[in-house]
């Protein structure tokens, strides 16, 4: 998480919120957010098949000025 936070700080102008795709990644999203002093949140996803996923975007609420960064453990 430190390496990712360092990369975001060096490459993303004004990160305002760090978003994780699901609750499982909250611990990493929160660490990255603290590292770049950005708000954090995670989305709620519902998987209904191997290639079918729905995301509940209500978790985002109102976003302030700046860039949104989505982080995932797929890498």
N, C-alpha and C. Protein backbone atom coordinates (compact mmCIF):
# COMPACT_ATOMS: atom_id res chain seq x y z
N UNK A 1 0.82 -1.20 0.00
CA UNK A 1 0.00 0.00 0.00
C UNK A 1 0.86 1.26 0.00
N UNK A 2 2.00 1.20 0.62
CA UNK A 2 2.89 2.37 0.65
C UNK A 2 3.39 2.72 -0.74
N UNK A 3 3.74 1.71 -1.52
CA UNK A 3 4.22 1.94 -2.88
C UNK A 3 3.11 2.55 -3.74
N UNK A 4 1.91 2.05 -3.59
CA UNK A 4 0.78 2.59 -4.37
C UNK A 4 0.49 4.02 -3.94
N UNK A 5 0.48 4.30 -2.65
CA UNK A 5 0.25 5.66 -2.16
C UNK A 5 1.33 6.60 -2.69
N UNK A 6 2.57 6.16 -2.68
CA UNK A 6 3.67 6.99 -3.20
C UNK A 6 3.47 7.28 -4.68
N UNK A 7 3.05 6.27 -5.45
CA UNK A 7 2.82 6.47 -6.88
C UNK A 7 1.69 7.46 -7.12
N UNK A 8 0.60 7.31 -6.38
CA UNK A 8 -0.53 8.23 -6.52
C UNK A 8 -0.08 9.65 -6.20
N UNK A 9 0.64 9.83 -5.10
CA UNK A 9 1.10 11.16 -4.71
C UNK A 9 1.99 11.79 -5.78
N UNK A 10 2.80 10.98 -6.45
CA UNK A 10 3.72 11.49 -7.46
C UNK A 10 3.08 11.69 -8.83
N UNK A 11 1.97 11.00 -9.11
CA UNK A 11 1.43 10.99 -10.47
C UNK A 11 0.00 11.50 -10.63
N UNK A 12 -0.75 11.59 -9.56
CA UNK A 12 -2.15 12.02 -9.65
C UNK A 12 -2.28 13.38 -8.98
N UNK A 13 -2.69 14.37 -9.75
CA UNK A 13 -2.87 15.70 -9.20
C UNK A 13 -4.16 15.74 -8.37
N UNK A 14 -4.03 16.19 -7.15
CA UNK A 14 -5.14 16.40 -6.22
C UNK A 14 -6.08 15.19 -6.11
N UNK A 15 -5.58 14.05 -5.61
CA UNK A 15 -6.50 12.93 -5.39
C UNK A 15 -7.48 13.29 -4.27
N UNK A 16 -8.78 13.23 -4.57
CA UNK A 16 -9.77 13.62 -3.55
C UNK A 16 -10.38 12.42 -2.86
N UNK A 17 -10.48 11.30 -3.57
CA UNK A 17 -11.06 10.11 -2.95
C UNK A 17 -10.42 8.86 -3.55
N UNK A 18 -10.12 7.91 -2.69
CA UNK A 18 -9.60 6.61 -3.10
C UNK A 18 -10.75 5.63 -2.94
N UNK A 19 -11.07 4.90 -4.01
CA UNK A 19 -12.21 4.00 -4.01
C UNK A 19 -11.75 2.56 -4.17
N UNK A 20 -12.30 1.68 -3.36
CA UNK A 20 -12.09 0.25 -3.51
C UNK A 20 -13.37 -0.38 -4.04
N UNK A 21 -13.25 -1.47 -4.79
CA UNK A 21 -14.43 -2.08 -5.41
C UNK A 21 -15.33 -2.85 -4.46
N UNK A 22 -14.81 -3.21 -3.27
CA UNK A 22 -15.64 -3.98 -2.35
C UNK A 22 -15.07 -3.90 -0.94
N UNK A 23 -15.85 -4.36 0.00
CA UNK A 23 -15.50 -4.29 1.42
C UNK A 23 -14.23 -5.06 1.75
N UNK A 24 -13.94 -6.10 0.98
CA UNK A 24 -12.73 -6.90 1.24
C UNK A 24 -11.46 -6.08 1.15
N UNK A 25 -11.46 -5.03 0.34
CA UNK A 25 -10.27 -4.22 0.15
C UNK A 25 -10.19 -2.98 1.02
N UNK A 26 -11.17 -2.82 1.93
CA UNK A 26 -11.21 -1.58 2.72
C UNK A 26 -9.91 -1.31 3.46
N UNK A 27 -9.29 -2.33 4.04
CA UNK A 27 -8.06 -2.09 4.82
C UNK A 27 -6.97 -1.47 3.95
N UNK A 28 -6.85 -1.91 2.71
CA UNK A 28 -5.82 -1.38 1.82
C UNK A 28 -6.20 0.02 1.33
N UNK A 29 -7.47 0.20 1.00
CA UNK A 29 -7.95 1.50 0.54
C UNK A 29 -7.73 2.55 1.63
N UNK A 30 -8.04 2.22 2.87
CA UNK A 30 -7.86 3.16 3.97
C UNK A 30 -6.38 3.51 4.16
N UNK A 31 -5.50 2.55 4.05
CA UNK A 31 -4.06 2.83 4.20
C UNK A 31 -3.56 3.73 3.08
N UNK A 32 -3.99 3.45 1.87
CA UNK A 32 -3.58 4.27 0.73
C UNK A 32 -4.14 5.69 0.90
N UNK A 33 -5.40 5.80 1.30
CA UNK A 33 -6.00 7.11 1.52
C UNK A 33 -5.27 7.94 2.55
N UNK A 34 -4.88 7.30 3.65
CA UNK A 34 -4.10 8.02 4.66
C UNK A 34 -2.77 8.48 4.08
N UNK A 35 -2.17 7.66 3.24
CA UNK A 35 -0.88 8.00 2.66
C UNK A 35 -0.91 9.20 1.73
N UNK A 36 -2.07 9.45 1.12
CA UNK A 36 -2.18 10.58 0.19
C UNK A 36 -3.14 11.65 0.71
N UNK A 37 -3.59 11.48 1.96
CA UNK A 37 -4.51 12.42 2.60
C UNK A 37 -5.77 12.64 1.78
N UNK A 38 -6.39 11.53 1.39
CA UNK A 38 -7.63 11.57 0.60
C UNK A 38 -8.73 10.81 1.35
N UNK A 39 -9.95 11.18 1.06
CA UNK A 39 -11.11 10.46 1.58
C UNK A 39 -11.12 9.06 0.97
N UNK A 40 -11.68 8.10 1.68
CA UNK A 40 -11.77 6.74 1.14
C UNK A 40 -13.20 6.23 1.23
N UNK A 41 -13.52 5.32 0.34
CA UNK A 41 -14.80 4.62 0.39
C UNK A 41 -14.66 3.31 -0.38
N UNK A 42 -15.56 2.41 -0.15
CA UNK A 42 -15.62 1.18 -0.93
C UNK A 42 -17.02 1.04 -1.50
N UNK A 43 -17.09 0.43 -2.65
CA UNK A 43 -18.36 0.19 -3.31
C UNK A 43 -18.94 -1.13 -2.85
N UNK A 44 -20.21 -1.30 -3.07
CA UNK A 44 -20.85 -2.58 -2.80
C UNK A 44 -21.12 -3.23 -4.15
N UNK A 45 -20.58 -4.42 -4.32
CA UNK A 45 -20.82 -5.10 -5.59
C UNK A 45 -21.58 -6.39 -5.36
N UNK A 46 -22.36 -6.74 -6.36
CA UNK A 46 -23.13 -7.97 -6.31
C UNK A 46 -22.81 -8.76 -7.55
N UNK A 47 -22.21 -9.91 -7.35
CA UNK A 47 -21.83 -10.77 -8.46
C UNK A 47 -22.94 -11.78 -8.72
N UNK A 48 -23.42 -11.80 -9.98
CA UNK A 48 -24.47 -12.76 -10.32
C UNK A 48 -24.00 -13.77 -11.35
N UNK A 49 -22.71 -13.80 -11.62
CA UNK A 49 -22.12 -14.75 -12.55
C UNK A 49 -20.65 -14.43 -12.74
N UNK A 50 -19.95 -15.26 -13.49
CA UNK A 50 -18.53 -15.04 -13.71
C UNK A 50 -18.22 -13.70 -14.36
N UNK A 51 -19.11 -13.23 -15.22
CA UNK A 51 -18.87 -11.99 -15.94
C UNK A 51 -19.96 -10.95 -15.71
N UNK A 52 -20.75 -11.12 -14.66
CA UNK A 52 -21.85 -10.21 -14.38
C UNK A 52 -21.73 -9.66 -12.96
N UNK A 53 -21.41 -8.37 -12.86
CA UNK A 53 -21.24 -7.72 -11.56
C UNK A 53 -21.97 -6.39 -11.59
N UNK A 54 -22.76 -6.13 -10.56
CA UNK A 54 -23.43 -4.84 -10.43
C UNK A 54 -22.78 -4.08 -9.27
N UNK A 55 -22.61 -2.78 -9.45
CA UNK A 55 -22.00 -1.93 -8.44
C UNK A 55 -23.03 -0.94 -7.93
N UNK A 56 -23.12 -0.79 -6.62
CA UNK A 56 -23.99 0.20 -6.01
C UNK A 56 -23.18 1.47 -5.81
N UNK A 57 -23.39 2.45 -6.66
CA UNK A 57 -22.64 3.70 -6.61
C UNK A 57 -23.09 4.66 -5.53
N UNK A 58 -24.13 4.32 -4.77
CA UNK A 58 -24.58 5.22 -3.72
C UNK A 58 -23.53 5.39 -2.63
N UNK A 59 -22.60 4.49 -2.55
CA UNK A 59 -21.54 4.59 -1.55
C UNK A 59 -20.66 5.82 -1.81
N UNK A 60 -20.72 6.36 -3.03
CA UNK A 60 -19.88 7.49 -3.38
C UNK A 60 -20.38 8.80 -2.78
N UNK A 61 -21.67 9.00 -2.77
CA UNK A 61 -22.20 10.26 -2.24
C UNK A 61 -21.71 11.42 -3.09
N UNK A 62 -21.55 12.57 -2.48
CA UNK A 62 -21.06 13.75 -3.19
C UNK A 62 -19.55 13.81 -3.15
N UNK A 63 -18.95 14.01 -4.28
CA UNK A 63 -17.50 14.09 -4.38
C UNK A 63 -17.08 15.55 -4.52
N UNK A 64 -16.00 15.90 -3.88
CA UNK A 64 -15.48 17.26 -3.98
C UNK A 64 -14.57 17.40 -5.18
N UNK A 65 -13.90 18.54 -5.29
CA UNK A 65 -12.99 18.75 -6.41
C UNK A 65 -11.76 17.84 -6.29
N UNK A 66 -11.23 17.45 -7.41
CA UNK A 66 -10.04 16.61 -7.42
C UNK A 66 -10.27 15.36 -8.24
N UNK A 67 -9.33 14.47 -8.20
CA UNK A 67 -9.37 13.24 -8.98
C UNK A 67 -9.76 12.04 -8.12
N UNK A 68 -10.56 11.19 -8.71
CA UNK A 68 -10.98 9.95 -8.06
C UNK A 68 -10.01 8.85 -8.52
N UNK A 69 -9.55 8.04 -7.57
CA UNK A 69 -8.62 6.95 -7.88
C UNK A 69 -9.24 5.64 -7.43
N UNK A 70 -9.40 4.72 -8.36
CA UNK A 70 -9.93 3.40 -8.06
C UNK A 70 -8.76 2.44 -7.89
N UNK A 71 -8.68 1.77 -6.77
CA UNK A 71 -7.63 0.78 -6.53
C UNK A 71 -8.26 -0.58 -6.37
N UNK A 72 -7.58 -1.60 -6.88
CA UNK A 72 -8.09 -2.96 -6.81
C UNK A 72 -6.90 -3.90 -6.68
N UNK A 73 -7.15 -5.09 -6.19
CA UNK A 73 -6.07 -6.05 -6.00
C UNK A 73 -5.85 -6.93 -7.23
N UNK A 74 -6.46 -6.60 -8.33
CA UNK A 74 -6.33 -7.42 -9.53
C UNK A 74 -4.89 -7.46 -10.04
N UNK A 75 -4.14 -6.38 -9.81
CA UNK A 75 -2.74 -6.36 -10.26
C UNK A 75 -1.92 -7.35 -9.47
